[in-house]
């Protein structure tokens, strides 16, 4: 299983289930997903601004 590193912008798109987020989900299917340590802070800040 190949790990995929997910950045915050891709994570937000995936969470919002946008067209780009759906593609992220398709690519990520069947892989382990890793996130950098600052991922949750960046994702939270983006969601808060929406």
N, C-alpha and C. Protein backbone atom coordinates (compact mmCIF):
# COMPACT_ATOMS: atom_id res chain seq x y z
N UNK A 1 0.85 -1.17 0.00
CA UNK A 1 0.00 0.00 0.00
C UNK A 1 0.90 1.24 0.00
N UNK A 2 0.71 2.08 -0.98
CA UNK A 2 1.52 3.28 -1.12
C UNK A 2 0.92 4.42 -0.31
N UNK A 3 1.72 5.08 0.53
CA UNK A 3 1.17 6.24 1.27
C UNK A 3 1.04 7.46 0.35
N UNK A 4 0.01 8.23 0.60
CA UNK A 4 -0.21 9.49 -0.10
C UNK A 4 -0.20 10.60 0.94
N UNK A 5 0.56 11.65 0.68
CA UNK A 5 0.60 12.79 1.60
C UNK A 5 -0.44 13.80 1.11
N UNK A 6 -1.40 14.09 1.97
CA UNK A 6 -2.51 14.98 1.64
C UNK A 6 -2.23 16.37 2.20
N UNK A 7 -2.29 17.39 1.34
CA UNK A 7 -2.10 18.75 1.85
C UNK A 7 -3.45 19.34 2.21
N UNK A 8 -3.43 20.47 2.91
CA UNK A 8 -4.65 21.06 3.45
C UNK A 8 -5.64 21.46 2.37
N UNK A 9 -5.18 22.01 1.26
CA UNK A 9 -6.11 22.44 0.22
C UNK A 9 -6.85 21.24 -0.38
N UNK A 10 -6.15 20.15 -0.59
CA UNK A 10 -6.80 18.94 -1.10
C UNK A 10 -7.75 18.36 -0.06
N UNK A 11 -7.37 18.44 1.20
CA UNK A 11 -8.23 17.94 2.27
C UNK A 11 -9.53 18.73 2.38
N UNK A 12 -9.45 20.04 2.23
CA UNK A 12 -10.66 20.88 2.28
C UNK A 12 -11.56 20.55 1.10
N UNK A 13 -10.99 20.42 -0.08
CA UNK A 13 -11.79 20.08 -1.25
C UNK A 13 -12.48 18.73 -1.06
N UNK A 14 -11.76 17.78 -0.50
CA UNK A 14 -12.31 16.45 -0.25
C UNK A 14 -13.44 16.53 0.77
N UNK A 15 -13.22 17.29 1.83
CA UNK A 15 -14.22 17.45 2.88
C UNK A 15 -15.50 18.10 2.34
N UNK A 16 -15.34 19.09 1.46
CA UNK A 16 -16.49 19.79 0.88
C UNK A 16 -17.13 19.01 -0.27
N UNK A 17 -16.51 17.92 -0.67
CA UNK A 17 -16.99 17.04 -1.74
C UNK A 17 -17.20 17.81 -3.04
N UNK A 18 -16.26 18.69 -3.32
CA UNK A 18 -16.29 19.43 -4.58
C UNK A 18 -15.85 18.49 -5.71
N UNK A 19 -15.87 19.00 -6.92
CA UNK A 19 -15.43 18.18 -8.06
C UNK A 19 -13.97 17.75 -7.89
N UNK A 20 -13.14 18.71 -7.47
CA UNK A 20 -11.72 18.39 -7.23
C UNK A 20 -11.59 17.42 -6.06
N UNK A 21 -12.41 17.60 -5.04
CA UNK A 21 -12.37 16.71 -3.89
C UNK A 21 -12.76 15.28 -4.23
N UNK A 22 -13.70 15.14 -5.15
CA UNK A 22 -14.08 13.80 -5.59
C UNK A 22 -12.92 13.11 -6.28
N UNK A 23 -12.15 13.88 -7.05
CA UNK A 23 -10.96 13.30 -7.71
C UNK A 23 -9.91 12.90 -6.67
N UNK A 24 -9.76 13.73 -5.63
CA UNK A 24 -8.83 13.39 -4.54
C UNK A 24 -9.24 12.06 -3.93
N UNK A 25 -10.53 11.90 -3.69
CA UNK A 25 -11.03 10.66 -3.11
C UNK A 25 -10.76 9.45 -3.99
N UNK A 26 -10.90 9.63 -5.30
CA UNK A 26 -10.63 8.52 -6.22
C UNK A 26 -9.16 8.14 -6.21
N UNK A 27 -8.29 9.14 -6.18
CA UNK A 27 -6.85 8.88 -6.16
C UNK A 27 -6.44 8.23 -4.84
N UNK A 28 -7.05 8.68 -3.75
CA UNK A 28 -6.66 8.21 -2.42
C UNK A 28 -7.21 6.82 -2.08
N UNK A 29 -8.23 6.39 -2.80
CA UNK A 29 -8.85 5.09 -2.50
C UNK A 29 -7.81 3.98 -2.56
N UNK A 30 -7.79 3.19 -1.50
CA UNK A 30 -6.88 2.05 -1.46
C UNK A 30 -5.47 2.37 -1.01
N UNK A 31 -5.21 3.61 -0.64
CA UNK A 31 -3.89 4.01 -0.17
C UNK A 31 -3.99 4.47 1.28
N UNK A 32 -2.87 4.41 1.99
CA UNK A 32 -2.84 5.01 3.32
C UNK A 32 -2.58 6.50 3.14
N UNK A 33 -3.27 7.32 3.91
CA UNK A 33 -3.16 8.77 3.78
C UNK A 33 -2.38 9.32 4.96
N UNK A 34 -1.35 10.07 4.64
CA UNK A 34 -0.55 10.75 5.65
C UNK A 34 -0.79 12.24 5.50
N UNK A 35 -0.70 12.96 6.61
CA UNK A 35 -0.81 14.42 6.56
C UNK A 35 0.35 15.02 7.34
N UNK A 36 0.82 16.19 6.91
CA UNK A 36 1.88 16.86 7.67
C UNK A 36 1.33 17.36 9.00
N UNK A 37 2.22 17.64 9.92
CA UNK A 37 1.83 18.03 11.26
C UNK A 37 0.93 19.26 11.29
N UNK A 38 1.12 20.19 10.39
CA UNK A 38 0.34 21.44 10.38
C UNK A 38 -0.97 21.31 9.60
N UNK A 39 -1.29 20.15 9.11
CA UNK A 39 -2.48 19.93 8.29
C UNK A 39 -3.76 20.38 8.99
N UNK A 40 -3.95 19.98 10.22
CA UNK A 40 -5.21 20.26 10.93
C UNK A 40 -5.38 21.75 11.20
N UNK A 41 -4.30 22.44 11.48
CA UNK A 41 -4.37 23.88 11.70
C UNK A 41 -4.76 24.60 10.42
N UNK A 42 -4.12 24.23 9.32
CA UNK A 42 -4.42 24.88 8.03
C UNK A 42 -5.84 24.55 7.56
N UNK A 43 -6.25 23.31 7.71
CA UNK A 43 -7.59 22.91 7.28
C UNK A 43 -8.64 23.61 8.13
N UNK A 44 -8.44 23.66 9.42
CA UNK A 44 -9.38 24.34 10.31
C UNK A 44 -9.50 25.82 10.00
N UNK A 45 -8.37 26.46 9.72
CA UNK A 45 -8.38 27.89 9.40
C UNK A 45 -9.13 28.14 8.10
N UNK A 46 -8.98 27.26 7.14
CA UNK A 46 -9.69 27.42 5.86
C UNK A 46 -11.18 27.24 6.04
N UNK A 47 -11.58 26.21 6.76
CA UNK A 47 -13.01 25.95 7.00
C UNK A 47 -13.62 27.12 7.77
N UNK A 48 -12.90 27.66 8.71
CA UNK A 48 -13.41 28.77 9.52
C UNK A 48 -13.68 29.99 8.64
N UNK A 49 -12.88 30.19 7.59
CA UNK A 49 -13.06 31.35 6.70
C UNK A 49 -14.21 31.19 5.72
N UNK A 50 -14.73 29.99 5.55
CA UNK A 50 -15.80 29.77 4.58
C UNK A 50 -17.12 30.33 5.04
